[in-house]
Each structure stands twice: as C-alpha cells, then as structure tokens.
C-alpha cells in the first residue's frame, strides 16, 4: 500500500506539472503577441522555475546511486530552506489527509466487492 500511495502521488504530481507547463507555454506564446497580463507572466515564470527544478532532479535521477542521492538532496534542501522539488510535489498536510481518506475508502470498496461479489445472473 505505501508503494502504491507513493506512485499515485508521483503520477498526480507529473500530471499537474504537465498541465501547468502547457499553460506556461500558452502564456509565453500570448506574451509574444502582447496579450498576456502581468499576473499571467508571473505565474508562467513560477512554472518555468518548476521546470528547471524538475530538470535538475532529472539529471540526478540518471546518475549512479540515484535512489540514495535523490532523497538526500531533497532532505538537504529542506534543511537549508531551498525547494528542490517542483511545486506539484509539495502537498500541504490538509490535502495529504484528504488523499489518505480517499485511499481508505478505495480499500473498503475493493474489499467489499471481493467479499460480496455481484451475481451476474441478476
């Protein structure tokens, strides 16, 4: 279950980063035509920083001993106050609690469907 929880969190984070990056590119395209507001540009620039963070972690991921170095780099960044992870991977405690409740509900539903299979003849 913890592995599944971790993989689902990574999947959600990557999906969110993908959506935000697409919006960033559209905003930059609109900026070249003079149609983007200052606030839109600020959000696009924040996302650009997230993309650079992701690229930095991607470089570390291909190096030898990545399963050891990546968690070390993330913890070191937390200690010195530097956000190493893109914003999509930073979950606030309230959102994390909601995810845990959703997963508990999924487990209950799955176990209920296994213990009481639906009769196909009905």
N, C-alpha and C. Protein backbone atom coordinates (compact mmCIF):
# COMPACT_ATOMS: atom_id res chain seq x y z
N UNK A 1 0.80 -1.20 0.00
CA UNK A 1 0.00 0.00 0.00
C UNK A 1 0.85 1.27 0.00
N UNK A 2 1.94 1.36 0.79
CA UNK A 2 2.75 2.58 0.75
C UNK A 2 3.37 2.83 -0.63
N UNK A 3 3.77 1.76 -1.31
CA UNK A 3 4.35 1.92 -2.64
C UNK A 3 3.30 2.47 -3.61
N UNK A 4 2.10 1.92 -3.52
CA UNK A 4 1.01 2.39 -4.38
C UNK A 4 0.71 3.86 -4.09
N UNK A 5 0.69 4.23 -2.81
CA UNK A 5 0.45 5.61 -2.41
C UNK A 5 1.51 6.53 -2.99
N UNK A 6 2.76 6.10 -2.92
CA UNK A 6 3.86 6.90 -3.46
C UNK A 6 3.79 7.05 -4.97
N UNK A 7 3.49 5.96 -5.65
CA UNK A 7 3.40 6.02 -7.11
C UNK A 7 2.23 6.88 -7.57
N UNK A 8 1.11 6.80 -6.84
CA UNK A 8 -0.03 7.65 -7.19
C UNK A 8 0.29 9.12 -6.98
N UNK A 9 1.05 9.42 -5.93
CA UNK A 9 1.44 10.80 -5.68
C UNK A 9 2.35 11.31 -6.80
N UNK A 10 3.27 10.48 -7.26
CA UNK A 10 4.15 10.87 -8.36
C UNK A 10 3.35 11.08 -9.64
N UNK A 11 2.40 10.19 -9.88
CA UNK A 11 1.57 10.30 -11.08
C UNK A 11 0.76 11.60 -11.06
N UNK A 12 0.16 11.92 -9.91
CA UNK A 12 -0.61 13.16 -9.79
C UNK A 12 0.30 14.38 -9.97
N UNK A 13 1.48 14.33 -9.37
CA UNK A 13 2.41 15.43 -9.49
C UNK A 13 2.85 15.67 -10.92
N UNK A 14 3.16 14.58 -11.62
CA UNK A 14 3.59 14.71 -13.02
C UNK A 14 2.46 15.22 -13.90
N UNK A 15 1.24 14.76 -13.64
CA UNK A 15 0.10 15.23 -14.43
C UNK A 15 -0.14 16.72 -14.19
N UNK A 16 -0.02 17.15 -12.95
CA UNK A 16 -0.21 18.57 -12.64
C UNK A 16 0.89 19.41 -13.27
N UNK A 17 2.13 18.94 -13.20
CA UNK A 17 3.24 19.68 -13.81
C UNK A 17 3.05 19.78 -15.32
N UNK A 18 2.54 18.73 -15.94
CA UNK A 18 2.28 18.75 -17.38
C UNK A 18 1.25 19.81 -17.74
N UNK A 19 0.15 19.84 -16.98
CA UNK A 19 -0.89 20.84 -17.24
C UNK A 19 -0.34 22.25 -17.05
N UNK A 20 0.40 22.46 -15.96
CA UNK A 20 0.93 23.80 -15.69
C UNK A 20 1.95 24.22 -16.74
N UNK A 21 2.73 23.27 -17.25
CA UNK A 21 3.72 23.60 -18.27
C UNK A 21 3.04 23.98 -19.59
N UNK A 22 1.95 23.29 -19.92
CA UNK A 22 1.21 23.65 -21.13
C UNK A 22 0.65 25.06 -21.02
N UNK A 23 0.11 25.38 -19.85
CA UNK A 23 -0.42 26.73 -19.63
C UNK A 23 0.71 27.76 -19.72
N UNK A 24 1.88 27.41 -19.17
CA UNK A 24 3.04 28.30 -19.24
C UNK A 24 3.40 28.59 -20.69
N UNK A 25 3.46 27.56 -21.52
CA UNK A 25 3.83 27.75 -22.92
C UNK A 25 2.80 28.60 -23.67
N UNK A 26 1.53 28.40 -23.37
CA UNK A 26 0.48 29.21 -23.99
C UNK A 26 0.62 30.67 -23.55
N UNK A 27 0.93 30.87 -22.28
CA UNK A 27 1.11 32.23 -21.77
C UNK A 27 2.29 32.91 -22.45
N UNK A 28 3.39 32.19 -22.60
CA UNK A 28 4.55 32.78 -23.30
C UNK A 28 4.22 33.09 -24.75
N UNK A 29 3.44 32.24 -25.37
CA UNK A 29 3.04 32.50 -26.75
C UNK A 29 2.16 33.76 -26.81
N UNK A 30 1.25 33.89 -25.85
CA UNK A 30 0.40 35.09 -25.80
C UNK A 30 1.22 36.33 -25.51
N UNK A 31 2.28 36.18 -24.72
CA UNK A 31 3.16 37.32 -24.40
C UNK A 31 3.84 37.84 -25.65
N UNK A 32 4.25 36.93 -26.53
CA UNK A 32 4.92 37.37 -27.75
C UNK A 32 3.98 38.19 -28.65
N UNK A 33 2.66 37.98 -28.48
CA UNK A 33 1.68 38.74 -29.25
C UNK A 33 1.14 39.93 -28.47
N UNK A 34 1.66 40.13 -27.24
CA UNK A 34 1.24 41.27 -26.42
C UNK A 34 -0.10 41.07 -25.75
N UNK A 35 -0.53 39.83 -25.53
CA UNK A 35 -1.86 39.55 -24.96
C UNK A 35 -1.83 38.99 -23.55
N UNK A 36 -0.67 38.83 -22.94
CA UNK A 36 -0.58 38.24 -21.60
C UNK A 36 -0.49 39.35 -20.55
N UNK A 37 -1.22 39.15 -19.46
CA UNK A 37 -1.18 40.13 -18.38
C UNK A 37 0.07 39.91 -17.52
N UNK A 38 0.32 40.89 -16.66
CA UNK A 38 1.48 40.80 -15.78
C UNK A 38 1.34 39.61 -14.82
N UNK A 39 0.14 39.39 -14.30
CA UNK A 39 -0.10 38.27 -13.38
C UNK A 39 0.10 36.93 -14.09
N UNK A 40 -0.37 36.82 -15.33
CA UNK A 40 -0.17 35.58 -16.09
C UNK A 40 1.31 35.32 -16.30
N UNK A 41 2.06 36.36 -16.56
CA UNK A 41 3.51 36.20 -16.76
C UNK A 41 4.20 35.78 -15.47
N UNK A 42 3.75 36.31 -14.34
CA UNK A 42 4.34 35.90 -13.07
C UNK A 42 4.10 34.41 -12.81
N UNK A 43 2.89 33.94 -13.10
CA UNK A 43 2.58 32.52 -12.92
C UNK A 43 3.39 31.66 -13.89
N UNK A 44 3.53 32.14 -15.13
CA UNK A 44 4.32 31.39 -16.11
C UNK A 44 5.78 31.32 -15.69
N UNK A 45 6.31 32.40 -15.15
CA UNK A 45 7.70 32.39 -14.69
C UNK A 45 7.91 31.46 -13.50
N UNK A 46 6.90 31.40 -12.59
CA UNK A 46 6.98 30.45 -11.48
C UNK A 46 7.03 29.02 -12.01
N UNK A 47 6.21 28.74 -13.02
CA UNK A 47 6.20 27.40 -13.59
C UNK A 47 7.52 27.10 -14.30
N UNK A 48 8.11 28.10 -14.93
CA UNK A 48 9.40 27.91 -15.58
C UNK A 48 10.46 27.50 -14.55
N UNK A 49 10.42 28.11 -13.38
CA UNK A 49 11.34 27.73 -12.30
C UNK A 49 11.09 26.28 -11.89
N UNK A 50 9.81 25.87 -11.83
CA UNK A 50 9.49 24.47 -11.52
C UNK A 50 10.06 23.52 -12.57
N UNK A 51 9.99 23.92 -13.83
CA UNK A 51 10.53 23.08 -14.90
C UNK A 51 12.04 22.91 -14.72
N UNK A 52 12.71 24.00 -14.37
CA UNK A 52 14.16 23.92 -14.15
C UNK A 52 14.47 23.02 -12.96
N UNK A 53 13.67 23.11 -11.90
CA UNK A 53 13.85 22.22 -10.74
C UNK A 53 13.72 20.76 -11.17
N UNK A 54 12.69 20.49 -11.96
CA UNK A 54 12.47 19.12 -12.43
C UNK A 54 13.62 18.62 -13.28
N UNK A 55 14.18 19.49 -14.11
CA UNK A 55 15.32 19.10 -14.93
C UNK A 55 16.53 18.79 -14.06
N UNK A 56 16.72 19.57 -13.02
CA UNK A 56 17.83 19.31 -12.10
C UNK A 56 17.71 17.96 -11.42
N UNK A 57 16.50 17.63 -10.99
CA UNK A 57 16.28 16.31 -10.38
C UNK A 57 16.39 15.21 -11.42
N UNK A 58 16.00 15.51 -12.65
CA UNK A 58 16.12 14.51 -13.72
C UNK A 58 17.56 14.15 -13.99
N UNK A 59 18.44 15.14 -13.93
CA UNK A 59 19.87 14.87 -14.11
C UNK A 59 20.38 13.97 -12.99
N UNK A 60 19.95 14.26 -11.75
CA UNK A 60 20.37 13.43 -10.62
C UNK A 60 19.80 12.01 -10.73
N UNK A 61 18.63 11.88 -11.34
CA UNK A 61 17.98 10.57 -11.43
C UNK A 61 18.75 9.60 -12.33
N UNK A 62 19.49 10.11 -13.30
CA UNK A 62 20.21 9.21 -14.21
C UNK A 62 21.61 8.87 -13.71
N UNK A 63 22.05 9.54 -12.66
CA UNK A 63 23.37 9.24 -12.10
C UNK A 63 23.35 7.95 -11.28
N UNK A 64 24.48 7.31 -11.15
CA UNK A 64 24.53 6.13 -10.28
C UNK A 64 24.15 6.48 -8.85
N UNK A 65 23.60 5.54 -8.15
CA UNK A 65 23.16 5.69 -6.76
C UNK A 65 22.05 6.72 -6.59
N UNK A 66 21.22 6.91 -7.62
CA UNK A 66 20.12 7.87 -7.56
C UNK A 66 19.13 7.59 -6.42
N UNK A 67 18.82 6.31 -6.13
CA UNK A 67 17.89 6.08 -5.01
C UNK A 67 18.43 6.58 -3.66
N UNK A 68 19.73 6.75 -3.58
CA UNK A 68 20.32 7.27 -2.35
C UNK A 68 20.48 8.78 -2.43
N UNK A 69 20.94 9.27 -3.57
CA UNK A 69 21.24 10.70 -3.68
C UNK A 69 20.00 11.59 -3.75
N UNK A 70 18.94 11.14 -4.42
CA UNK A 70 17.74 11.98 -4.55
C UNK A 70 17.11 12.30 -3.20
N UNK A 71 16.82 11.29 -2.35
CA UNK A 71 16.25 11.64 -1.04
C UNK A 71 17.20 12.51 -0.21
N UNK A 72 18.50 12.26 -0.34
CA UNK A 72 19.48 13.07 0.39
C UNK A 72 19.43 14.53 -0.06
N UNK A 73 19.35 14.75 -1.36
CA UNK A 73 19.30 16.11 -1.89
C UNK A 73 18.01 16.82 -1.45
N UNK A 74 16.90 16.09 -1.47
CA UNK A 74 15.62 16.67 -1.06
C UNK A 74 15.67 17.07 0.42
N UNK A 75 16.16 16.17 1.27
CA UNK A 75 16.26 16.47 2.71
C UNK A 75 17.24 17.61 2.97
N UNK A 76 18.35 17.62 2.26
CA UNK A 76 19.31 18.70 2.42
C UNK A 76 18.69 20.04 2.02
N UNK A 77 17.93 20.02 0.94
CA UNK A 77 17.24 21.24 0.51
C UNK A 77 16.24 21.73 1.54
N UNK A 78 15.51 20.79 2.18
CA UNK A 78 14.56 21.18 3.22
C UNK A 78 15.28 21.80 4.41
N UNK A 79 16.44 21.24 4.76
CA UNK A 79 17.19 21.76 5.91
C UNK A 79 17.71 23.17 5.69
N UNK A 80 18.16 23.46 4.48
CA UNK A 80 18.72 24.79 4.23
C UNK A 80 17.67 25.76 3.68
N UNK A 81 16.44 25.28 3.52
CA UNK A 81 15.35 26.16 3.10
C UNK A 81 15.23 26.38 1.61
N UNK A 82 15.69 25.42 0.82
CA UNK A 82 15.61 25.53 -0.64
C UNK A 82 14.62 24.48 -1.14
N UNK A 83 13.64 24.92 -1.94
CA UNK A 83 12.69 23.98 -2.52
C UNK A 83 13.34 23.30 -3.71
N UNK A 84 13.62 22.01 -3.56
CA UNK A 84 14.26 21.25 -4.62
C UNK A 84 13.20 20.64 -5.54
N UNK A 85 12.07 20.27 -4.96
CA UNK A 85 11.00 19.63 -5.73
C UNK A 85 10.13 20.67 -6.41
N UNK A 86 9.59 20.34 -7.58
CA UNK A 86 8.61 21.24 -8.21
C UNK A 86 7.38 21.38 -7.31
N UNK A 87 6.64 22.45 -7.47
CA UNK A 87 5.51 22.76 -6.59
C UNK A 87 4.43 21.68 -6.61
N UNK A 88 4.27 20.97 -7.70
CA UNK A 88 3.24 19.93 -7.77
C UNK A 88 3.51 18.77 -6.82
N UNK A 89 4.74 18.61 -6.39
CA UNK A 89 5.08 17.52 -5.50
C UNK A 89 5.08 17.94 -4.04
N UNK A 90 4.77 19.18 -3.77
CA UNK A 90 4.68 19.67 -2.40
C UNK A 90 3.22 19.69 -2.00
N UNK A 91 2.82 18.76 -1.15
CA UNK A 91 1.43 18.64 -0.74
C UNK A 91 1.30 19.21 0.67
N UNK A 92 0.28 20.06 0.84
CA UNK A 92 0.05 20.57 2.18
C UNK A 92 -0.61 19.48 3.04
N UNK A 93 -0.47 19.55 4.37
CA UNK A 93 -0.97 18.49 5.25
C UNK A 93 -2.47 18.23 5.09
N UNK A 94 -3.25 19.26 4.86
CA UNK A 94 -4.69 19.08 4.72
C UNK A 94 -5.01 18.27 3.46
N UNK A 95 -4.33 18.56 2.37
CA UNK A 95 -4.55 17.82 1.12
C UNK A 95 -4.08 16.37 1.27
N UNK A 96 -2.99 16.17 2.00
CA UNK A 96 -2.47 14.82 2.24
C UNK A 96 -3.47 14.00 3.04
N UNK A 97 -4.15 14.64 4.00
CA UNK A 97 -5.16 13.94 4.79
C UNK A 97 -6.34 13.54 3.92
N UNK A 98 -6.75 14.39 3.00
CA UNK A 98 -7.85 14.07 2.08
C UNK A 98 -7.47 12.89 1.21
N UNK A 99 -6.24 12.85 0.73
CA UNK A 99 -5.78 11.73 -0.10
C UNK A 99 -5.80 10.44 0.69
N UNK A 100 -5.37 10.48 1.96
CA UNK A 100 -5.38 9.28 2.80
C UNK A 100 -6.81 8.77 2.99
N UNK A 101 -7.76 9.67 3.21
CA UNK A 101 -9.16 9.27 3.38
C UNK A 101 -9.69 8.64 2.10
N UNK A 102 -9.36 9.23 0.95
CA UNK A 102 -9.81 8.67 -0.32
C UNK A 102 -9.25 7.27 -0.53
N UNK A 103 -8.00 7.07 -0.17
CA UNK A 103 -7.40 5.74 -0.34
C UNK A 103 -8.03 4.74 0.61
N UNK A 104 -8.38 5.15 1.82
CA UNK A 104 -9.05 4.25 2.76
C UNK A 104 -10.41 3.85 2.21
N UNK A 105 -11.11 4.79 1.62
CA UNK A 105 -12.41 4.49 1.02
C UNK A 105 -12.24 3.50 -0.12
N UNK A 106 -11.21 3.69 -0.96
CA UNK A 106 -10.96 2.76 -2.06
C UNK A 106 -10.70 1.35 -1.54
N UNK A 107 -9.94 1.23 -0.46
CA UNK A 107 -9.65 -0.08 0.12
C UNK A 107 -10.93 -0.73 0.62
N UNK A 108 -11.79 0.04 1.29
CA UNK A 108 -13.05 -0.50 1.80
C UNK A 108 -13.93 -0.96 0.66
N UNK A 109 -14.02 -0.16 -0.40
CA UNK A 109 -14.85 -0.52 -1.55
C UNK A 109 -14.30 -1.77 -2.23
N UNK A 110 -12.98 -1.83 -2.41
CA UNK A 110 -12.38 -3.01 -3.03
C UNK A 110 -12.60 -4.26 -2.19
N UNK A 111 -12.43 -4.17 -0.89
CA UNK A 111 -12.60 -5.34 -0.03
C UNK A 111 -14.06 -5.75 0.03
N UNK A 112 -14.98 -4.78 -0.04
CA UNK A 112 -16.40 -5.09 -0.03
C UNK A 112 -16.81 -5.80 -1.32
N UNK A 113 -16.25 -5.38 -2.44
CA UNK A 113 -16.60 -6.01 -3.71
C UNK A 113 -16.02 -7.42 -3.80
N UNK A 114 -14.91 -7.68 -3.13
CA UNK A 114 -14.32 -9.01 -3.12
C UNK A 114 -15.11 -9.93 -2.21
N UNK A 115 -15.56 -9.42 -1.07
CA UNK A 115 -16.27 -10.27 -0.12
C UNK A 115 -17.73 -10.50 -0.52
N UNK A 116 -18.30 -9.59 -1.31
CA UNK A 116 -19.68 -9.74 -1.78
C UNK A 116 -19.73 -9.58 -3.28
N UNK A 117 -19.30 -10.59 -4.04
CA UNK A 117 -19.32 -10.45 -5.50
C UNK A 117 -20.75 -10.31 -6.02
N UNK A 118 -20.88 -9.53 -7.05
CA UNK A 118 -22.19 -9.31 -7.66
C UNK A 118 -22.56 -10.52 -8.50
N UNK A 119 -23.76 -10.98 -8.34
CA UNK A 119 -24.24 -12.14 -9.08
C UNK A 119 -24.55 -11.71 -10.50
N UNK A 120 -23.87 -12.31 -11.48
CA UNK A 120 -24.06 -11.93 -12.88
C UNK A 120 -25.41 -12.35 -13.43
N UNK A 121 -26.10 -13.26 -12.73
CA UNK A 121 -27.38 -13.76 -13.24
C UNK A 121 -28.50 -12.77 -13.00
N UNK A 122 -28.32 -11.78 -12.15
CA UNK A 122 -29.38 -10.84 -11.85
C UNK A 122 -29.51 -9.84 -12.91
